[in-house]
Amino acid sequence: MGQADLDLDAAVNRYIASKVDLYTKIELGNSYHTGNTLSYTTQPTGPATRYYNGIRKRAFSFAITAKHANGMVALNTISLIMSAMENATHVSIKSSNNSFKFINAKMTESATFKGTVLDDANKGSDEYSVYQGVFSVEVILI
């Protein structure tokens, strides 16, 4: 099974949704929808470690962005997600297609204020606070 089949982002998303009371579902990519949003982006970090038996260990970075009309809700949601990920064990996050085995996760950037945005340029637009947190996930690719 190749890396194109890796379902790590979906598995992490499922785990977070099961552990944190989210104000909306988390979407892949930068979410520019109106209203309160949660989104994530992911990418490999550093080279994979390849062992003699063919197993590869790799880390992936997840950036979670929360946009909410109430800045404290966005900040608290990011903090809860980071805590849930740091408490994940090797049996907490599972691949649906057996493409990886979860090892661990750790926060690499605590919740950070990224700015205030308007949903559109019209007068009277709602103002939203944006916070982001980053964690890395280490997995064995199968």
N, C-alpha and C. Protein backbone atom coordinates (compact mmCIF):
# COMPACT_ATOMS: atom_id res chain seq x y z
N MET A 1 0.86 -1.17 0.00
CA MET A 1 0.00 0.00 0.00
C MET A 1 0.90 1.22 0.00
N GLY A 2 0.68 2.17 -0.88
CA GLY A 2 1.52 3.34 -1.00
C GLY A 2 1.05 4.48 -0.13
N GLN A 3 1.92 5.51 -0.06
CA GLN A 3 1.59 6.67 0.78
C GLN A 3 0.37 7.41 0.27
N ALA A 4 0.03 7.28 -1.02
CA ALA A 4 -1.17 7.94 -1.56
C ALA A 4 -2.42 7.42 -0.86
N ASP A 5 -2.35 6.22 -0.31
CA ASP A 5 -3.50 5.62 0.37
C ASP A 5 -3.55 5.95 1.86
N LEU A 6 -2.60 6.72 2.34
CA LEU A 6 -2.51 7.03 3.76
C LEU A 6 -3.76 7.77 4.23
N ASP A 7 -4.42 7.22 5.24
CA ASP A 7 -5.64 7.85 5.76
C ASP A 7 -5.42 8.48 7.14
N LEU A 8 -4.20 8.94 7.38
CA LEU A 8 -3.85 9.52 8.68
C LEU A 8 -4.69 10.75 9.01
N ASP A 9 -4.87 11.64 8.05
CA ASP A 9 -5.64 12.87 8.35
C ASP A 9 -7.08 12.55 8.72
N ALA A 10 -7.70 11.59 8.05
CA ALA A 10 -9.07 11.20 8.38
C ALA A 10 -9.14 10.55 9.76
N ALA A 11 -8.15 9.73 10.09
CA ALA A 11 -8.13 9.05 11.39
C ALA A 11 -7.94 10.06 12.52
N VAL A 12 -7.04 11.02 12.33
CA VAL A 12 -6.83 12.07 13.34
C VAL A 12 -8.10 12.89 13.50
N ASN A 13 -8.72 13.22 12.39
CA ASN A 13 -9.97 14.00 12.42
C ASN A 13 -11.05 13.25 13.21
N ARG A 14 -11.21 11.95 12.95
CA ARG A 14 -12.19 11.13 13.67
C ARG A 14 -11.90 11.12 15.18
N TYR A 15 -10.63 10.96 15.51
CA TYR A 15 -10.23 10.91 16.92
C TYR A 15 -10.55 12.24 17.62
N ILE A 16 -10.18 13.35 17.00
CA ILE A 16 -10.45 14.66 17.61
C ILE A 16 -11.94 14.85 17.81
N ALA A 17 -12.73 14.53 16.80
CA ALA A 17 -14.19 14.69 16.90
C ALA A 17 -14.79 13.82 18.00
N SER A 18 -14.16 12.69 18.30
CA SER A 18 -14.68 11.81 19.35
C SER A 18 -14.27 12.27 20.75
N LYS A 19 -13.23 13.08 20.85
CA LYS A 19 -12.71 13.50 22.15
C LYS A 19 -13.03 14.94 22.53
N VAL A 20 -13.33 15.79 21.55
CA VAL A 20 -13.55 17.21 21.82
C VAL A 20 -14.93 17.61 21.31
N ASP A 21 -15.64 18.38 22.12
CA ASP A 21 -16.95 18.90 21.72
C ASP A 21 -16.70 20.10 20.80
N LEU A 22 -16.69 19.86 19.51
CA LEU A 22 -16.37 20.88 18.51
C LEU A 22 -17.59 21.72 18.17
N TYR A 23 -17.40 22.99 17.88
CA TYR A 23 -18.52 23.85 17.52
C TYR A 23 -18.91 23.70 16.06
N THR A 24 -18.09 23.05 15.25
CA THR A 24 -18.39 22.69 13.87
C THR A 24 -17.41 21.61 13.46
N LYS A 25 -17.67 20.91 12.36
CA LYS A 25 -16.74 19.85 11.95
C LYS A 25 -15.45 20.46 11.40
N ILE A 26 -14.38 19.70 11.53
CA ILE A 26 -13.07 20.14 11.05
C ILE A 26 -12.98 19.78 9.57
N GLU A 27 -12.57 20.75 8.75
CA GLU A 27 -12.43 20.54 7.31
C GLU A 27 -10.98 20.56 6.90
N LEU A 28 -10.66 19.80 5.88
CA LEU A 28 -9.31 19.78 5.32
C LEU A 28 -9.05 21.05 4.54
N GLY A 29 -7.89 21.61 4.70
CA GLY A 29 -7.49 22.81 3.96
C GLY A 29 -7.85 24.08 4.69
N ASN A 30 -7.46 25.19 4.12
CA ASN A 30 -7.80 26.48 4.71
C ASN A 30 -9.26 26.77 4.44
N SER A 31 -10.02 26.95 5.49
CA SER A 31 -11.46 27.18 5.34
C SER A 31 -11.74 28.67 5.28
N TYR A 32 -12.32 29.11 4.19
CA TYR A 32 -12.67 30.52 4.03
C TYR A 32 -14.17 30.70 3.98
N HIS A 33 -14.91 29.77 4.59
CA HIS A 33 -16.36 29.88 4.64
C HIS A 33 -16.75 31.00 5.60
N THR A 34 -17.95 31.52 5.42
CA THR A 34 -18.46 32.49 6.38
C THR A 34 -18.85 31.75 7.65
N GLY A 35 -18.85 32.46 8.74
CA GLY A 35 -19.23 31.87 10.02
C GLY A 35 -18.06 31.24 10.74
N ASN A 36 -18.40 30.53 11.81
CA ASN A 36 -17.39 29.86 12.63
C ASN A 36 -16.87 28.63 11.89
N THR A 37 -15.55 28.48 11.85
CA THR A 37 -14.96 27.36 11.11
C THR A 37 -13.81 26.73 11.89
N LEU A 38 -13.54 25.48 11.57
CA LEU A 38 -12.36 24.74 12.02
C LEU A 38 -11.76 24.09 10.79
N SER A 39 -10.45 24.19 10.63
CA SER A 39 -9.81 23.55 9.48
C SER A 39 -8.42 23.06 9.87
N TYR A 40 -7.89 22.18 9.03
CA TYR A 40 -6.54 21.68 9.27
C TYR A 40 -5.80 21.52 7.95
N THR A 41 -4.50 21.63 8.04
CA THR A 41 -3.62 21.28 6.93
C THR A 41 -2.59 20.32 7.51
N THR A 42 -2.08 19.47 6.66
CA THR A 42 -1.09 18.49 7.11
C THR A 42 0.01 18.36 6.08
N GLN A 43 1.20 18.02 6.57
CA GLN A 43 2.33 17.78 5.68
C GLN A 43 3.38 16.94 6.39
N PRO A 44 4.17 16.18 5.64
CA PRO A 44 5.25 15.41 6.26
C PRO A 44 6.30 16.38 6.80
N THR A 45 6.92 15.99 7.91
CA THR A 45 7.99 16.82 8.46
C THR A 45 9.25 15.98 8.54
N GLY A 46 10.24 16.37 7.82
CA GLY A 46 11.50 15.64 7.82
C GLY A 46 11.43 14.36 7.03
N PRO A 47 12.57 13.74 6.84
CA PRO A 47 12.61 12.49 6.07
C PRO A 47 12.08 11.31 6.88
N ALA A 48 11.64 10.30 6.17
CA ALA A 48 11.20 9.07 6.82
C ALA A 48 12.43 8.28 7.25
N THR A 49 12.30 7.54 8.33
CA THR A 49 13.36 6.63 8.77
C THR A 49 13.00 5.25 8.25
N ARG A 50 13.88 4.67 7.46
CA ARG A 50 13.62 3.34 6.90
C ARG A 50 14.49 2.32 7.64
N TYR A 51 13.85 1.24 8.08
CA TYR A 51 14.54 0.18 8.79
C TYR A 51 14.83 -0.97 7.85
N TYR A 52 15.74 -1.86 8.25
CA TYR A 52 16.15 -2.97 7.39
C TYR A 52 15.00 -3.89 7.01
N ASN A 53 13.98 -3.98 7.85
CA ASN A 53 12.85 -4.87 7.55
C ASN A 53 11.83 -4.21 6.63
N GLY A 54 12.12 -3.00 6.13
CA GLY A 54 11.24 -2.32 5.19
C GLY A 54 10.25 -1.36 5.82
N ILE A 55 10.15 -1.37 7.12
CA ILE A 55 9.23 -0.45 7.81
C ILE A 55 9.78 0.98 7.75
N ARG A 56 8.86 1.92 7.54
CA ARG A 56 9.24 3.34 7.53
C ARG A 56 8.51 4.07 8.64
N LYS A 57 9.25 4.87 9.41
CA LYS A 57 8.66 5.71 10.45
C LYS A 57 8.73 7.15 9.95
N ARG A 58 7.61 7.88 10.13
CA ARG A 58 7.56 9.24 9.60
C ARG A 58 6.73 10.12 10.52
N ALA A 59 7.05 11.40 10.53
CA ALA A 59 6.28 12.39 11.30
C ALA A 59 5.51 13.28 10.32
N PHE A 60 4.32 13.67 10.75
CA PHE A 60 3.48 14.59 9.98
C PHE A 60 3.05 15.72 10.90
N SER A 61 3.02 16.92 10.35
CA SER A 61 2.62 18.09 11.10
C SER A 61 1.18 18.46 10.75
N PHE A 62 0.38 18.74 11.76
CA PHE A 62 -1.00 19.18 11.59
C PHE A 62 -1.15 20.58 12.15
N ALA A 63 -1.62 21.50 11.34
CA ALA A 63 -1.94 22.85 11.81
C ALA A 63 -3.47 22.95 11.85
N ILE A 64 -4.01 23.20 13.04
CA ILE A 64 -5.46 23.34 13.22
C ILE A 64 -5.76 24.82 13.39
N THR A 65 -6.68 25.33 12.59
CA THR A 65 -7.05 26.74 12.65
C THR A 65 -8.51 26.85 13.07
N ALA A 66 -8.75 27.68 14.07
CA ALA A 66 -10.11 27.91 14.58
C ALA A 66 -10.48 29.37 14.34
N LYS A 67 -11.63 29.58 13.70
CA LYS A 67 -12.17 30.93 13.48
C LYS A 67 -13.52 30.98 14.16
N HIS A 68 -13.70 31.96 15.06
CA HIS A 68 -14.96 32.04 15.80
C HIS A 68 -15.23 33.50 16.17
N ALA A 69 -16.52 33.84 16.22
CA ALA A 69 -16.92 35.19 16.59
C ALA A 69 -16.53 35.51 18.04
N ASN A 70 -16.42 34.48 18.87
CA ASN A 70 -15.96 34.64 20.24
C ASN A 70 -14.54 34.07 20.32
N GLY A 71 -13.56 34.94 20.46
CA GLY A 71 -12.17 34.52 20.45
C GLY A 71 -11.83 33.48 21.50
N MET A 72 -12.48 33.54 22.66
CA MET A 72 -12.20 32.56 23.72
C MET A 72 -12.67 31.16 23.32
N VAL A 73 -13.75 31.08 22.56
CA VAL A 73 -14.22 29.77 22.09
C VAL A 73 -13.17 29.18 21.14
N ALA A 74 -12.64 29.99 20.23
CA ALA A 74 -11.61 29.51 19.30
C ALA A 74 -10.36 29.07 20.07
N LEU A 75 -9.90 29.88 21.00
CA LEU A 75 -8.71 29.56 21.79
C LEU A 75 -8.92 28.30 22.61
N ASN A 76 -10.04 28.19 23.30
CA ASN A 76 -10.31 27.01 24.12
C ASN A 76 -10.43 25.75 23.27
N THR A 77 -11.01 25.86 22.09
CA THR A 77 -11.15 24.69 21.21
C THR A 77 -9.78 24.19 20.77
N ILE A 78 -8.90 25.11 20.38
CA ILE A 78 -7.53 24.71 19.99
C ILE A 78 -6.84 24.04 21.18
N SER A 79 -6.98 24.60 22.36
CA SER A 79 -6.33 24.03 23.56
C SER A 79 -6.86 22.63 23.86
N LEU A 80 -8.17 22.42 23.72
CA LEU A 80 -8.75 21.10 23.95
C LEU A 80 -8.26 20.08 22.92
N ILE A 81 -8.14 20.50 21.67
CA ILE A 81 -7.63 19.62 20.61
C ILE A 81 -6.20 19.22 20.90
N MET A 82 -5.37 20.19 21.29
CA MET A 82 -3.96 19.91 21.60
C MET A 82 -3.85 18.92 22.76
N SER A 83 -4.66 19.12 23.79
CA SER A 83 -4.65 18.23 24.95
C SER A 83 -5.08 16.82 24.55
N ALA A 84 -6.13 16.71 23.75
CA ALA A 84 -6.60 15.40 23.29
C ALA A 84 -5.51 14.68 22.50
N MET A 85 -4.83 15.40 21.63
CA MET A 85 -3.79 14.77 20.81
C MET A 85 -2.61 14.32 21.66
N GLU A 86 -2.22 15.13 22.63
CA GLU A 86 -1.09 14.74 23.48
C GLU A 86 -1.44 13.55 24.36
N ASN A 87 -2.72 13.32 24.64
CA ASN A 87 -3.16 12.18 25.45
C ASN A 87 -3.44 10.93 24.63
N ALA A 88 -3.34 11.02 23.32
CA ALA A 88 -3.60 9.86 22.46
C ALA A 88 -2.53 8.79 22.68
N THR A 89 -2.98 7.54 22.72
CA THR A 89 -2.06 6.41 22.88
C THR A 89 -1.95 5.67 21.54
N HIS A 90 -1.10 4.67 21.50
CA HIS A 90 -0.89 3.93 20.24
C HIS A 90 -2.14 3.20 19.77
N VAL A 91 -3.14 3.02 20.63
CA VAL A 91 -4.38 2.37 20.21
C VAL A 91 -5.52 3.37 19.99
N SER A 92 -5.28 4.65 20.23
CA SER A 92 -6.32 5.67 20.11
C SER A 92 -6.67 6.02 18.67
N ILE A 93 -5.67 6.08 17.81
CA ILE A 93 -5.86 6.51 16.43
C ILE A 93 -5.51 5.34 15.52
N LYS A 94 -6.52 4.89 14.77
CA LYS A 94 -6.33 3.70 13.93
C LYS A 94 -6.66 4.00 12.48
N SER A 95 -5.90 3.39 11.61
CA SER A 95 -6.14 3.49 10.18
C SER A 95 -7.32 2.62 9.78
N SER A 96 -8.16 3.15 8.92
CA SER A 96 -9.28 2.35 8.38
C SER A 96 -8.82 1.39 7.31
N ASN A 97 -7.72 1.72 6.64
CA ASN A 97 -7.24 0.87 5.55
C ASN A 97 -5.88 0.23 5.85
N ASN A 98 -5.50 0.23 7.14
CA ASN A 98 -4.25 -0.39 7.58
C ASN A 98 -3.01 0.20 6.90
N SER A 99 -3.02 1.51 6.67
CA SER A 99 -1.88 2.16 6.01
C SER A 99 -0.84 2.70 6.99
N PHE A 100 -1.17 2.77 8.29
CA PHE A 100 -0.23 3.27 9.28
C PHE A 100 -0.56 2.70 10.65
N LYS A 101 0.42 2.81 11.55
CA LYS A 101 0.22 2.54 12.97
C LYS A 101 0.66 3.79 13.72
N PHE A 102 -0.23 4.31 14.54
CA PHE A 102 0.04 5.52 15.31
C PHE A 102 1.03 5.23 16.42
N ILE A 103 2.01 6.13 16.58
CA ILE A 103 2.98 5.99 17.67
C ILE A 103 2.67 7.01 18.76
N ASN A 104 2.71 8.31 18.40
CA ASN A 104 2.43 9.35 19.38
C ASN A 104 2.18 10.68 18.70
N ALA A 105 1.76 11.64 19.50
CA ALA A 105 1.56 13.01 19.02
C ALA A 105 2.08 13.96 20.08
N LYS A 106 2.56 15.12 19.63
CA LYS A 106 3.02 16.13 20.59
C LYS A 106 2.75 17.51 20.01
N MET A 107 2.46 18.43 20.90
CA MET A 107 2.23 19.81 20.49
C MET A 107 3.57 20.43 20.10
N THR A 108 3.61 21.07 18.95
CA THR A 108 4.84 21.73 18.52
C THR A 108 4.71 23.25 18.52
N GLU A 109 3.47 23.74 18.53
CA GLU A 109 3.21 25.18 18.63
C GLU A 109 1.89 25.35 19.37
N SER A 110 1.95 26.00 20.52
CA SER A 110 0.73 26.19 21.30
C SER A 110 -0.22 27.14 20.58
N ALA A 111 -1.44 27.20 21.08
CA ALA A 111 -2.46 28.06 20.46
C ALA A 111 -1.93 29.48 20.33
N THR A 112 -1.97 29.99 19.11
CA THR A 112 -1.43 31.31 18.80
C THR A 112 -2.48 32.14 18.09
N PHE A 113 -2.61 33.38 18.52
CA PHE A 113 -3.54 34.29 17.86
C PHE A 113 -2.97 34.66 16.50
N LYS A 114 -3.76 34.46 15.44
CA LYS A 114 -3.31 34.74 14.08
C LYS A 114 -3.89 36.03 13.53
N GLY A 115 -5.00 36.49 14.10
CA GLY A 115 -5.57 37.75 13.63
C GLY A 115 -7.07 37.79 13.75
N THR A 116 -7.61 38.93 13.33
CA THR A 116 -9.05 39.14 13.31
C THR A 116 -9.44 39.33 11.86
N VAL A 117 -10.51 38.67 11.44
CA VAL A 117 -10.95 38.76 10.05
C VAL A 117 -12.42 39.13 9.97
N LEU A 118 -12.80 39.70 8.85
CA LEU A 118 -14.20 39.95 8.52
C LEU A 118 -14.61 38.90 7.51
N ASP A 119 -15.84 38.41 7.61
CA ASP A 119 -16.29 37.39 6.67
C ASP A 119 -16.45 37.92 5.25
N ASP A 120 -16.80 39.19 5.12
CA ASP A 120 -16.87 39.80 3.79
C ASP A 120 -16.58 41.28 3.95
N ALA A 121 -16.48 41.96 2.85
CA ALA A 121 -16.10 43.37 2.88
C ALA A 121 -17.29 44.31 3.07
N ASN A 122 -18.48 43.77 3.25
CA ASN A 122 -19.66 44.61 3.42
C ASN A 122 -19.67 45.29 4.78
N LYS A 123 -20.27 46.45 4.82
CA LYS A 123 -20.41 47.17 6.08
C LYS A 123 -21.25 46.32 7.03
N GLY A 124 -20.86 46.27 8.27
CA GLY A 124 -21.61 45.49 9.24
C GLY A 124 -21.23 44.02 9.28
N SER A 125 -20.13 43.64 8.61
CA SER A 125 -19.68 42.25 8.64
C SER A 125 -19.29 41.84 10.05
N ASP A 126 -19.49 40.58 10.33
CA ASP A 126 -19.08 40.06 11.63
C ASP A 126 -17.57 39.92 11.68
N GLU A 127 -17.01 40.18 12.86
CA GLU A 127 -15.58 40.07 13.07
C GLU A 127 -15.29 38.74 13.78
N TYR A 128 -14.28 38.02 13.32
CA TYR A 128 -13.93 36.72 13.86
C TYR A 128 -12.47 36.70 14.29
N SER A 129 -12.21 36.03 15.41
CA SER A 129 -10.84 35.82 15.86
C SER A 129 -10.35 34.50 15.30
N VAL A 130 -9.08 34.46 14.93
CA VAL A 130 -8.48 33.26 14.36
C VAL A 130 -7.29 32.84 15.24
N TYR A 131 -7.33 31.58 15.68
CA TYR A 131 -6.24 30.99 16.45
C TYR A 131 -5.77 29.73 15.75
N GLN A 132 -4.50 29.40 15.96
CA GLN A 132 -3.96 28.19 15.34
C GLN A 132 -3.04 27.48 16.33
N GLY A 133 -3.08 26.16 16.29
CA GLY A 133 -2.16 25.32 17.06
C GLY A 133 -1.58 24.28 16.12
N VAL A 134 -0.37 23.83 16.42
CA VAL A 134 0.30 22.86 15.56
C VAL A 134 0.78 21.69 16.41
N PHE A 135 0.53 20.48 15.93
CA PHE A 135 1.06 19.29 16.60
C PHE A 135 1.64 18.37 15.54
N SER A 136 2.55 17.51 15.99
CA SER A 136 3.12 16.52 15.08
C SER A 136 2.67 15.14 15.52
N VAL A 137 2.54 14.28 14.55
CA VAL A 137 2.11 12.90 14.76
C VAL A 137 3.19 12.00 14.17
N GLU A 138 3.62 11.02 14.94
CA GLU A 138 4.61 10.07 14.45
C GLU A 138 3.90 8.75 14.19
N VAL A 139 4.14 8.17 13.02
CA VAL A 139 3.49 6.92 12.63
C VAL A 139 4.49 5.98 11.97
N ILE A 140 4.12 4.71 11.95
CA ILE A 140 4.84 3.71 11.15
C ILE A 140 3.99 3.49 9.91
N LEU A 141 4.56 3.70 8.75
CA LEU A 141 3.86 3.49 7.48
C LEU A 141 3.94 2.01 7.14
N ILE A 142 2.79 1.47 6.78
CA ILE A 142 2.73 0.03 6.49
C ILE A 142 2.65 -0.19 4.99
